[in-house]
Structure formats: C-alpha cells, structure tokens
Amino acid sequence: MTEIEAHSLLRPVLRDYSLRHRNISAIFERHFNRNAPLFDQLKIDPNSLDYNRRMLIGSYFTMEYSVDSAALFNPSIMEHPDQSEISKDEKRVIISLRATGEGHISSIVFRTGILDKHSSLTIEPIGKMLEEAQNITRHVYDKKSFTSKLEEMDFHSIVPPEVILDKLSDSFTYEDLKRVVEEVRSSLHLAADKELLISQIVWLASSHYELQFSIDTYISERVIFPVSMNERNGIEDARFVKFTDDNGETTYYATYTAYNGSTILPKLLYTTDFYYFKSLPVHGEIAQNKGMALFPRKINGKYAMLCRLDGFNNYIAFSDNINIWREAKLIQQPKFPWELVQIGNCGSPIETDEGWLVLTHGVGPMREYAIGASLFDLQNPEIEIGRLSQPLLSPNSDEREGYVPNVVYSCGSMVHNENLILPYAKSDYSSTYASINLKELLNELKNSGKA
C-alpha cells in the first residue's frame, strides 16, 4: 500500500472507534510493537514504516472484548476511600464484581454507589470507555520462598528445579529469570520434562505483577483483566475487604482465584486508591483451594483468614505474614440440611459489638446454594457463638434462572446505619442486594447458640 492508501483505510477505523476507546491510536501502536518479532523474521525494519502503516497494522491485531456480556456476578462491597460531598447519614461504596464475557473469561470490574440513610443503594453513572491497566512486572523474588511454592504445587515431582534456580542469586527479578531461561534453552537440549519445568517456573513467576490505571479513568471503567499465564482462563470471586493495620493505615485487600484452565492458584490483590494494584500468589500448605477471606484487622497480633482447606468445611488460619499461610483449624462443618454438601464463607468477617459476623454459603439438595450466617467470638474467632439453622437468603422464583441455576452467592458485605448490606449474585448471571436489620440478626444468632 502507498501511504495515501494506508491513511484512507485507517481514517474510518479511527473515526468509528475513537468514541468507543480512550486513545485508540496508542492501543494500535502498542499492538503493533508487540508484533516486532514478525518483522524481524521478514527482515523488515519496523521503524521504516510510516505512522499510518503502523497504526493500520496495529488495528489488524486488535479486537474488542465485552467483559460482561455473559454475566456480572459474585459481588463484594466496601467503603469508598473518598467520602466527600455526601451527607453524614450516607456512605459512598465500591462494589467489585466478577464479569464474564466471551469464552467464559472472568475479570474484575467495579461500580460505585451511594447508600442513603435508609440503606437504599443508588448506583452512580457507569463510564463508557473501559480501560485495561498498564502491566508492570518488576517483582523481586526470594529464591527460598519461590522454591517452597514450587514444592507446594508439586512442580518438584517432575524434575528438580535446580536446573534453573541454581543459576539465580538469592533474590532475583522476573527479567533475571527470563534471561536465565533463555540461556538454558539455548545451551542445552532439553528433554520434555525439563521444558515443562521451565514453563511452570515462568508460570509461577508471572503471577507477581503490578497494575497502574490512568488517573483520568472513572472507577467503573477500570478492568482487572487476566494478566499472567496462571490467570489466562479467568480471575474468579474476588473477596475485597477494607483492612485497618495496627498503626491505623488502611489497605484494600482482595483474595481471589487465578485459573489457567486446569490449575487454580489462590492470589492476593491489594490497593490503597484503586488506581495502583499489586498482585502476588498466596504461599503455604493451606493455600491450595478457593474461598480464602481475610479478616479486616489483625487478631492478637496476627493476620487471620477464613479458608475452605478441604473444599467442604470452614477453617480459620493465623499468620505473621499476609501471604504465607501454613496451618488452619476446623471451625465449621455442614450441619443443617440446606448445607450438607458443603459450607464456605461469603466474604470477609464483619466486626460487630457482639462478635465476628460471618456470612456463609451452603450447598444442599439439587446443588442449591443458599446464604447463612454465623457469629464468632471477637477475641477468639475459633469459638462459634451461634449459627442460623435456616438460610438467611435462598433463591426465589425470580433468581433461579441463569448460567448456574438455583444459586445465591456473595463475596463480601458491610454494615451501614445498623443494617447489613448484602450484595449477592443471582444464579451466576446478574447481581442485586438485600438489607437486613443487624440487631435482629445478631439477636437471632445469639439465641441460636443457647438452643
């Protein structure tokens, strides 16, 4: 093509998509640069191509993806860090959701809203230009803990990882690892098992990353899309919680499940402003299953986490390190008919004057999911004070149809004006919320423990 022909073809593309995407030309430029190896194979200098050709080529390697075309579900709710310009009886909140699009790929999206004095929720306007964050890979790894994680995930059973790790210093970066991997691959004829090991080492290392969103984005436009190889089939069920440290500083943490199509990896995401996020895997023997939920503060000087170690029962774990979890204690088993298949948490515990309020999900006949509630001792949350014998919330006739029918499910609630605000998903398709009088619920839970 001549430069004029390329410009003529590019013009309608820019016209049609510049209203749908912020700085579409920068996206085309980025996708053009990703294909630099192709130009090397063709012995073409990419810099020799004019601007119009680069943009046009980039457009051919670009496609739109609707992140929530299939479902918007499994919400969690938390207090927004910005509480300005609202009345004293109101609360600005952030709701995280699992968005699922074509190919059943899940990502994390956000909505903001205002809870009024009556606990009615109004969702604020949604931005029209979704933005994927800039991915920053600059994590420094500790060789000892990195090796331990490989052992936890049974990677060492294939072949000893020393073939790579012995060539790295005690601390190394992702770039250091990639350099060593290329050296090993170029100098050795690797058997299939060693090549698989290398792929798995890189797979684990890529799970550490940082994300930076542009300052001019609205929060509902920010999408945490699968970034690393261990997430390529989705980011599932983020349980966000506003965590207050002993020094009074607050951080928003989310535990979630990374899924690559065959293997899950529990991960931890954290932010203070919802512009900059950092993601890292959760280490330790108990970090092998879904549904980990962090307490909103330390207990007796230690981080505390709910988990479902065996996939069927509720456990509690304590740790000095927020992403290393070694031991857990059983605190709840299925007890009532509506939860006999399995029980798990529905998000982080909520601190009340009467104890830790824990919402649970139970699976009963016909694999129906319902939401229950339990109360645990504030000082020692291994002690259950009370537990509802009947579900707090079950799917009604309007909530039974969806991608996975007969399911109500939540990833996190909060208290506002003496009401429990419970956002929940309807059959893995859409989301809504319920408001429950907190005092009545706590009284019911305390009385249930006396029965």
Protein backbone atom coordinates (compact mmCIF):
# COMPACT_ATOMS: atom_id res chain seq x y z
CA MET A 1 0.00 0.00 0.00
CA THR A 2 1.02 3.55 -0.55
CA GLU A 3 0.98 5.94 2.39
CA ILE A 4 -2.16 7.57 0.96
CA GLU A 5 -3.93 4.18 0.69
CA ALA A 6 -2.98 3.27 4.25
CA HIS A 7 -4.26 6.62 5.53
CA SER A 8 -7.55 6.19 3.65
CA LEU A 9 -8.11 2.79 5.25
CA LEU A 10 -7.09 3.98 8.72
CA ARG A 11 -9.33 7.09 8.73
CA PRO A 12 -12.73 5.29 9.10
CA VAL A 13 -11.28 2.93 11.72
CA LEU A 14 -10.17 5.87 13.87
CA ARG A 15 -13.49 7.62 13.27
CA ASP A 16 -15.59 4.61 14.30
CA TYR A 17 -13.58 3.55 17.35
CA SER A 18 -12.19 6.76 18.84
CA LEU A 19 -15.57 7.36 20.51
CA ARG A 20 -15.54 3.87 21.99
CA HIS A 21 -11.98 3.79 23.37
CA ARG A 22 -9.75 6.31 25.09
CA ASN A 23 -6.65 6.98 22.94
CA ILE A 24 -7.27 4.21 20.41
CA SER A 25 -4.15 5.20 18.46
CA ALA A 26 -1.98 4.35 21.49
CA ILE A 27 -3.62 0.90 21.59
CA PHE A 28 -2.85 0.35 17.91
CA GLU A 29 0.76 1.47 18.50
CA ARG A 30 1.13 -0.94 21.42
CA HIS A 31 -0.26 -3.87 19.43
CA PHE A 32 1.98 -3.02 16.50
CA ASN A 33 5.04 -3.10 18.77
CA ARG A 34 4.03 -6.48 20.20
CA ASN A 35 4.48 -7.93 16.72
CA ALA A 36 8.07 -6.72 16.30
CA PRO A 37 9.40 -10.33 16.14
CA LEU A 38 7.34 -10.88 12.97
CA PHE A 39 9.14 -8.00 11.25
CA ASP A 40 12.50 -9.46 12.29
CA GLN A 41 11.56 -12.72 10.58
CA LEU A 42 10.58 -10.78 7.46
CA LYS A 43 13.81 -8.74 7.66
CA ILE A 44 11.81 -5.50 7.80
CA ASP A 45 12.82 -2.60 10.00
CA PRO A 46 9.62 -1.55 11.87
CA ASN A 47 10.98 1.99 12.16
CA SER A 48 10.98 2.26 8.38
CA LEU A 49 7.19 2.15 8.31
CA ASP A 50 5.32 5.44 8.43
CA TYR A 51 2.81 6.30 11.17
CA ASN A 52 -0.29 5.38 9.14
CA ARG A 53 1.03 1.94 8.27
CA ARG A 54 2.00 1.22 11.88
CA MET A 55 -1.46 2.26 13.12
CA LEU A 56 -3.21 0.23 10.42
CA ILE A 57 -1.18 -2.89 11.15
CA GLY A 58 -1.87 -2.46 14.85
CA SER A 59 -5.60 -2.27 14.13
CA TYR A 60 -5.48 -5.67 12.40
CA PHE A 61 -4.13 -7.16 15.62
CA THR A 62 -6.83 -5.56 17.78
CA MET A 63 -10.33 -6.68 18.66
CA GLU A 64 -12.98 -5.50 21.10
CA TYR A 65 -13.95 -7.72 24.01
CA SER A 66 -17.13 -7.26 26.05
CA VAL A 67 -16.02 -8.12 29.57
CA ASP A 68 -19.53 -8.62 31.00
CA SER A 69 -21.54 -9.83 28.00
CA ALA A 70 -22.29 -13.17 29.67
CA ALA A 71 -22.56 -12.35 33.39
CA LEU A 72 -21.94 -9.81 36.13
CA PHE A 73 -21.98 -11.62 39.45
CA ASN A 74 -20.38 -12.59 42.80
CA PRO A 75 -20.12 -9.05 44.21
CA SER A 76 -18.36 -7.69 47.28
CA ILE A 77 -18.95 -4.25 48.78
CA MET A 78 -16.67 -1.92 50.72
CA GLU A 79 -16.44 1.68 51.87
CA HIS A 80 -15.06 4.01 49.21
CA PRO A 81 -11.82 5.82 50.19
CA ASP A 82 -13.46 9.09 49.09
CA GLN A 83 -16.36 10.10 51.37
CA SER A 84 -16.51 13.76 50.33
CA GLU A 85 -19.64 15.60 49.17
CA ILE A 86 -22.18 13.28 50.81
CA SER A 87 -24.33 13.76 53.91
CA LYS A 88 -23.39 12.29 57.30
CA ASP A 89 -26.04 9.55 57.03
CA GLU A 90 -24.83 8.43 53.61
CA LYS A 91 -21.93 6.23 52.56
CA ARG A 92 -20.16 6.08 49.22
CA VAL A 93 -19.28 2.47 48.39
CA ILE A 94 -17.34 0.45 45.84
CA ILE A 95 -18.77 -2.81 44.57
CA SER A 96 -16.45 -5.31 42.93
CA LEU A 97 -17.95 -7.85 40.55
CA ARG A 98 -16.86 -10.85 38.58
CA ALA A 99 -17.51 -10.01 34.93
CA THR A 100 -17.64 -12.84 32.41
CA GLY A 101 -17.50 -12.41 28.65
CA GLU A 102 -16.98 -14.47 25.53
CA GLY A 103 -15.16 -17.73 26.16
CA HIS A 104 -16.16 -17.59 29.83
CA ILE A 105 -13.15 -15.46 30.72
CA SER A 106 -13.64 -13.70 34.06
CA SER A 107 -12.22 -10.35 35.12
CA ILE A 108 -12.76 -7.89 37.97
CA VAL A 109 -14.82 -4.74 37.41
CA PHE A 110 -16.11 -2.07 39.76
CA ARG A 111 -19.21 0.01 40.35
CA THR A 112 -19.67 2.89 42.77
CA GLY A 113 -22.82 3.85 44.60
CA ILE A 114 -24.35 5.78 47.49
CA LEU A 115 -26.11 4.16 50.43
CA ASP A 116 -28.64 6.64 51.85
CA LYS A 117 -29.79 6.88 55.46
CA HIS A 118 -32.39 4.17 54.83
CA SER A 119 -29.73 1.83 53.34
CA SER A 120 -31.13 2.17 49.83
CA LEU A 121 -28.38 1.85 47.24
CA THR A 122 -28.11 4.09 44.19
CA ILE A 123 -25.52 3.08 41.59
CA GLU A 124 -23.61 6.03 40.16
CA PRO A 125 -23.29 6.53 36.36
CA ILE A 126 -21.09 3.98 34.61
CA GLY A 127 -18.18 5.09 32.42
CA LYS A 128 -18.34 4.20 28.74
CA MET A 129 -14.65 3.64 27.96
CA LEU A 130 -13.24 0.56 29.65
CA GLU A 131 -9.52 0.58 30.32
CA GLU A 132 -7.07 -2.24 30.81
CA ALA A 133 -4.28 -1.30 33.19
CA GLN A 134 -0.62 -0.97 32.33
CA ASN A 135 1.06 -4.17 33.47
CA ILE A 136 4.30 -3.62 35.37
CA THR A 137 6.47 -6.67 36.05
CA ARG A 138 9.24 -5.71 38.45
CA HIS A 139 8.79 -8.00 41.43
CA VAL A 140 11.88 -9.17 43.30
CA TYR A 141 11.67 -12.85 44.26
CA ASP A 142 13.23 -14.61 47.22
CA LYS A 143 14.68 -17.89 45.96
CA LYS A 144 13.87 -19.80 49.14
CA SER A 145 10.17 -18.88 49.23
CA PHE A 146 9.89 -19.25 45.46
CA THR A 147 11.25 -22.80 45.70
CA SER A 148 8.86 -23.57 48.54
CA LYS A 149 5.90 -22.54 46.41
CA LEU A 150 7.08 -24.80 43.60
CA GLU A 151 7.24 -27.66 46.09
CA GLU A 152 3.75 -26.90 47.43
CA MET A 153 2.38 -27.10 43.91
CA ASP A 154 4.18 -30.43 43.23
CA PHE A 155 6.30 -28.97 40.44
CA HIS A 156 9.39 -30.58 42.01
CA SER A 157 7.94 -34.06 41.42
CA ILE A 158 8.53 -33.64 37.68
CA VAL A 159 12.21 -32.73 37.83
CA PRO A 160 14.37 -30.84 40.38
CA PRO A 161 14.11 -27.07 39.73
CA GLU A 162 17.85 -26.58 40.35
CA VAL A 163 18.40 -26.70 36.58
CA ILE A 164 17.17 -23.09 36.61
CA LEU A 165 17.30 -21.84 40.19
CA ASP A 166 20.97 -22.66 40.79
CA LYS A 167 21.83 -20.05 38.18
CA LEU A 168 19.96 -17.31 40.05
CA SER A 169 21.04 -15.31 43.09
CA ASP A 170 19.20 -15.49 46.42
CA SER A 171 16.95 -12.68 45.20
CA PHE A 172 16.08 -12.18 41.55
CA THR A 173 13.73 -10.29 39.26
CA TYR A 174 11.40 -11.55 36.56
CA GLU A 175 13.84 -10.22 33.95
CA ASP A 176 16.70 -12.15 35.61
CA LEU A 177 14.61 -15.32 35.43
CA LYS A 178 13.76 -14.82 31.76
CA ARG A 179 17.43 -14.26 30.93
CA VAL A 180 18.48 -17.50 32.67
CA VAL A 181 15.64 -19.40 31.00
CA GLU A 182 16.81 -18.26 27.57
CA GLU A 183 20.42 -19.20 28.40
CA VAL A 184 19.39 -22.70 29.48
CA ARG A 185 17.18 -23.20 26.46
CA SER A 186 19.89 -22.05 24.04
CA SER A 187 22.74 -24.03 25.61
CA LEU A 188 21.02 -27.31 26.43
CA HIS A 189 18.94 -29.80 24.50
CA LEU A 190 16.08 -30.06 26.99
CA ALA A 191 14.02 -33.18 27.45
CA ALA A 192 10.24 -32.74 27.59
CA ASP A 193 10.13 -32.93 31.39
CA LYS A 194 12.73 -30.16 31.81
CA GLU A 195 10.97 -27.97 29.26
CA LEU A 196 7.74 -28.47 31.22
CA LEU A 197 9.52 -27.49 34.43
CA ILE A 198 10.81 -24.29 32.85
CA SER A 199 7.34 -23.39 31.67
CA GLN A 200 5.98 -23.96 35.17
CA ILE A 201 8.69 -21.83 36.81
CA VAL A 202 7.93 -18.96 34.43
CA TRP A 203 4.20 -19.57 35.01
CA LEU A 204 4.63 -19.07 38.76
CA ALA A 205 6.91 -16.05 38.38
CA SER A 206 4.44 -14.31 36.08
CA SER A 207 1.82 -14.41 38.85
CA HIS A 208 3.56 -11.43 40.52
CA TYR A 209 2.67 -8.19 38.83
CA GLU A 210 1.60 -4.59 39.36
CA LEU A 211 -1.15 -2.69 37.59
CA GLN A 212 -1.42 1.05 37.03
CA PHE A 213 -4.59 2.71 35.74
CA SER A 214 -4.60 6.15 34.17
CA ILE A 215 -5.54 8.96 36.54
CA ASP A 216 -8.24 10.17 34.13
CA THR A 217 -10.29 6.96 34.28
CA TYR A 218 -13.52 6.53 36.19
CA ILE A 219 -13.51 3.55 38.54
CA SER A 220 -16.27 1.77 36.62
CA GLU A 221 -14.02 1.93 33.53
CA ARG A 222 -11.12 0.10 35.18
CA VAL A 223 -10.96 -3.60 34.35
CA ILE A 224 -8.57 -6.01 36.04
CA PHE A 225 -8.32 -8.45 33.17
CA PRO A 226 -6.31 -11.70 33.38
CA VAL A 227 -2.67 -10.70 33.01
CA SER A 228 -0.41 -13.64 33.87
CA MET A 229 -0.34 -17.14 32.43
CA ASN A 230 -1.88 -18.62 35.57
CA GLU A 231 -4.94 -16.39 35.02
CA ARG A 232 -5.49 -16.92 31.32
CA ASN A 233 -8.86 -18.63 31.91
CA GLY A 234 -10.05 -16.08 34.41
CA ILE A 235 -9.90 -14.21 37.70
CA GLU A 236 -12.59 -15.62 39.95
CA ASP A 237 -14.54 -14.43 43.01
CA ALA A 238 -12.52 -11.55 44.45
CA ARG A 239 -13.32 -11.07 48.15
CA PHE A 240 -12.45 -7.44 48.89
CA VAL A 241 -12.07 -6.09 52.42
CA LYS A 242 -11.01 -2.77 53.87
CA PHE A 243 -8.15 -3.74 56.19
CA THR A 244 -7.02 -1.48 59.05
CA ASP A 245 -3.49 -2.09 60.32
CA ASP A 246 -2.34 -1.62 63.91
CA ASN A 247 -0.99 1.84 63.02
CA GLY A 248 -4.37 2.94 61.64
CA GLU A 249 -3.39 2.75 57.97
CA THR A 250 -5.96 1.22 55.64
CA THR A 251 -5.41 -1.04 52.65
CA TYR A 252 -7.95 -2.74 50.43
CA TYR A 253 -7.13 -6.42 50.03
CA ALA A 254 -8.80 -8.99 47.84
CA THR A 255 -8.26 -12.72 47.84
CA TYR A 256 -9.16 -14.34 44.53
CA THR A 257 -8.63 -17.46 42.47
CA ALA A 258 -6.45 -17.49 39.36
CA TYR A 259 -7.44 -20.20 36.88
CA ASN A 260 -5.46 -21.29 33.83
CA GLY A 261 -7.89 -23.92 32.56
CA SER A 262 -6.54 -26.79 34.65
CA THR A 263 -4.89 -25.42 37.81
CA ILE A 264 -6.05 -22.87 40.38
CA LEU A 265 -3.76 -20.54 42.30
CA PRO A 266 -5.01 -18.51 45.30
CA LYS A 267 -3.79 -14.93 44.97
CA LEU A 268 -3.81 -11.67 46.88
CA LEU A 269 -4.54 -8.29 45.32
CA TYR A 270 -4.12 -5.02 47.18
CA THR A 271 -4.52 -1.30 46.66
CA THR A 272 -4.96 1.92 48.60
CA ASP A 273 -6.53 4.09 45.89
CA PHE A 274 -7.95 1.72 43.20
CA TYR A 275 -5.54 3.21 40.64
CA TYR A 276 -2.48 1.15 41.55
CA PHE A 277 -2.79 -2.56 42.34
CA LYS A 278 -0.28 -5.24 43.22
CA SER A 279 -0.91 -8.97 42.81
CA LEU A 280 1.02 -11.88 44.27
CA PRO A 281 0.35 -15.57 44.96
CA VAL A 282 -0.57 -16.84 48.42
CA HIS A 283 2.01 -19.28 49.80
CA GLY A 284 1.68 -22.09 52.32
CA GLU A 285 0.23 -25.55 52.71
CA ILE A 286 -3.35 -24.31 53.16
CA ALA A 287 -3.27 -22.02 50.11
CA GLN A 288 -4.46 -24.70 47.73
CA ASN A 289 -8.21 -24.12 47.49
CA LYS A 290 -10.78 -21.48 46.66
CA GLY A 291 -12.60 -19.18 49.04
CA MET A 292 -9.97 -17.55 51.26
CA ALA A 293 -11.30 -14.45 53.08
CA LEU A 294 -9.14 -12.07 55.12
CA PHE A 295 -10.31 -10.59 58.44
CA PRO A 296 -10.45 -6.74 58.38
CA ARG A 297 -7.77 -6.40 61.09
CA LYS A 298 -5.18 -8.43 62.95
CA ILE A 299 -6.30 -10.59 65.86
CA ASN A 300 -3.90 -10.90 68.78
CA GLY A 301 -1.12 -9.53 66.62
CA LYS A 302 -1.63 -11.91 63.68
CA TYR A 303 -3.37 -11.79 60.33
CA ALA A 304 -6.43 -14.04 60.26
CA MET A 305 -8.02 -15.76 57.29
CA LEU A 306 -11.09 -17.92 56.70
CA CYS A 307 -10.49 -20.72 54.23
CA ARG A 308 -12.00 -23.94 52.93
CA LEU A 309 -8.96 -26.16 53.09
CA ASP A 310 -10.65 -29.42 52.06
CA GLY A 311 -13.36 -27.90 49.86
CA PHE A 312 -16.21 -28.87 52.20
CA ASN A 313 -15.69 -27.26 55.64
CA ASN A 314 -14.79 -23.87 57.09
CA TYR A 315 -11.35 -23.34 58.63
CA ILE A 316 -9.51 -20.43 60.23
CA ALA A 317 -5.81 -19.67 59.88
CA PHE A 318 -3.42 -17.19 61.52
CA SER A 319 -0.13 -15.87 60.17
CA ASP A 320 2.59 -13.29 60.78
CA ASN A 321 2.87 -12.80 57.01
CA ILE A 322 -0.17 -11.84 54.96
CA ASN A 323 0.72 -14.05 52.01
CA ILE A 324 2.17 -17.10 53.81
CA TRP A 325 -0.35 -19.47 55.44
CA ARG A 326 0.83 -22.74 56.96
CA GLU A 327 -1.77 -24.13 59.37
CA ALA A 328 -5.54 -23.99 59.73
CA LYS A 329 -8.08 -25.17 62.28
CA LEU A 330 -11.53 -26.59 61.52
CA ILE A 331 -14.28 -24.31 62.89
CA GLN A 332 -17.42 -25.33 60.97
CA GLN A 333 -18.80 -28.40 59.26
CA PRO A 334 -22.07 -28.86 57.37
CA LYS A 335 -24.78 -29.28 59.97
CA PHE A 336 -28.21 -28.43 58.59
CA PRO A 337 -29.98 -29.98 55.57
CA TRP A 338 -29.53 -26.91 53.33
CA GLU A 339 -25.71 -27.07 53.67
CA LEU A 340 -24.94 -30.79 53.86
CA VAL A 341 -22.99 -30.94 50.57
CA GLN A 342 -20.51 -28.21 51.57
CA ILE A 343 -20.15 -24.99 53.51
CA GLY A 344 -17.94 -21.98 52.81
CA ASN A 345 -17.66 -18.28 53.50
CA CYS A 346 -19.38 -15.45 51.63
CA GLY A 347 -16.64 -12.92 52.16
CA SER A 348 -14.59 -11.45 54.97
CA PRO A 349 -15.93 -11.45 58.55
CA ILE A 350 -17.64 -8.27 59.78
CA GLU A 351 -16.73 -6.93 63.20
CA THR A 352 -19.71 -6.14 65.46
CA ASP A 353 -20.08 -5.44 69.19
CA GLU A 354 -21.41 -8.97 69.64
CA GLY A 355 -18.71 -10.80 67.69
CA TRP A 356 -17.48 -11.58 64.19
CA LEU A 357 -20.41 -11.88 61.81
CA VAL A 358 -19.60 -14.44 59.11
CA LEU A 359 -21.89 -14.98 56.16
CA THR A 360 -21.66 -18.47 54.74
CA HIS A 361 -22.84 -20.29 51.66
CA GLY A 362 -24.30 -23.75 51.95
CA VAL A 363 -24.98 -26.30 49.24
CA GLY A 364 -27.97 -28.60 49.68
CA PRO A 365 -30.34 -30.78 47.64
CA MET A 366 -30.17 -30.23 43.86
CA ARG A 367 -26.90 -28.32 44.42
CA GLU A 368 -28.92 -25.29 45.54
CA TYR A 369 -26.79 -22.53 47.05
CA ALA A 370 -28.17 -20.52 49.97
CA ILE A 371 -26.60 -17.90 52.24
CA GLY A 372 -26.44 -18.40 56.00
CA ALA A 373 -24.94 -16.52 58.95
CA SER A 374 -22.78 -17.37 61.97
CA LEU A 375 -21.35 -15.42 64.90
CA PHE A 376 -17.86 -15.98 66.33
CA ASP A 377 -16.08 -14.68 69.42
CA LEU A 378 -14.23 -11.38 68.91
CA GLN A 379 -11.09 -12.33 70.83
CA ASN A 380 -11.02 -15.96 69.72
CA PRO A 381 -12.85 -16.43 66.42
CA GLU A 382 -12.30 -20.18 66.64
CA ILE A 383 -15.29 -20.17 69.02
CA GLU A 384 -18.72 -20.20 67.38
CA ILE A 385 -21.33 -18.27 69.39
CA GLY A 386 -24.32 -19.04 67.19
CA ARG A 387 -25.44 -20.14 63.76
CA LEU A 388 -28.70 -19.86 61.84
CA SER A 389 -30.46 -23.18 61.37
CA GLN A 390 -32.28 -21.81 58.31
CA PRO A 391 -30.81 -19.84 55.41
CA LEU A 392 -30.70 -16.08 55.68
CA LEU A 393 -31.26 -15.91 51.94
CA SER A 394 -32.35 -18.54 49.40
CA PRO A 395 -33.01 -18.17 45.65
CA ASN A 396 -36.60 -17.13 44.96
CA SER A 397 -38.58 -17.85 41.81
CA ASP A 398 -37.06 -14.84 40.01
CA GLU A 399 -33.47 -15.78 40.94
CA ARG A 400 -33.31 -19.42 39.90
CA GLU A 401 -32.54 -19.00 36.20
CA GLY A 402 -29.03 -18.28 34.99
CA TYR A 403 -25.72 -19.75 33.88
CA VAL A 404 -25.68 -21.88 37.06
CA PRO A 405 -29.30 -22.11 38.26
CA ASN A 406 -30.58 -22.13 41.86
CA VAL A 407 -27.68 -20.11 43.31
CA VAL A 408 -27.39 -17.03 45.51
CA TYR A 409 -23.80 -16.12 46.36
CA SER A 410 -21.84 -13.20 47.78
CA CYS A 411 -18.16 -12.31 48.13
CA GLY A 412 -18.48 -9.62 50.80
CA SER A 413 -20.91 -7.47 52.81
CA MET A 414 -20.77 -4.41 55.05
CA VAL A 415 -22.73 -2.63 57.79
CA HIS A 416 -24.38 0.76 57.24
CA ASN A 417 -26.70 2.58 59.67
CA GLU A 418 -27.37 -0.58 61.71
CA ASN A 419 -28.20 -2.61 58.62
CA LEU A 420 -26.27 -5.41 56.99
CA ILE A 421 -25.87 -4.61 53.29
CA LEU A 422 -25.61 -7.92 51.44
CA PRO A 423 -24.86 -7.76 47.69
CA TYR A 424 -25.36 -11.12 46.04
CA ALA A 425 -25.38 -12.84 42.67
CA LYS A 426 -28.40 -14.50 41.14
CA SER A 427 -27.56 -17.86 39.53
CA ASP A 428 -24.17 -16.71 38.20
CA TYR A 429 -25.82 -14.22 35.87
CA SER A 430 -26.65 -10.87 37.49
CA SER A 431 -26.42 -9.18 40.89
CA THR A 432 -28.65 -7.39 43.37
CA TYR A 433 -28.58 -6.67 47.12
CA ALA A 434 -30.51 -7.15 50.34
CA SER A 435 -30.68 -5.10 53.54
CA ILE A 436 -31.06 -6.89 56.90
CA ASN A 437 -31.55 -5.30 60.32
CA LEU A 438 -28.27 -6.00 62.09
CA LYS A 439 -29.65 -6.01 65.66
CA GLU A 440 -32.35 -8.54 64.81
CA LEU A 441 -29.85 -10.77 63.04
CA LEU A 442 -27.34 -10.68 65.93
CA ASN A 443 -30.09 -11.43 68.48
CA GLU A 444 -31.18 -14.40 66.41
CA LEU A 445 -27.61 -15.67 66.23
CA LYS A 446 -27.01 -15.27 69.99
CA ASN A 447 -30.26 -17.07 70.78
CA SER A 448 -29.42 -19.88 68.38
CA GLY A 449 -26.29 -20.59 70.39
CA LYS A 450 -28.35 -21.09 73.54
CA ALA A 451 -30.66 -23.67 71.99
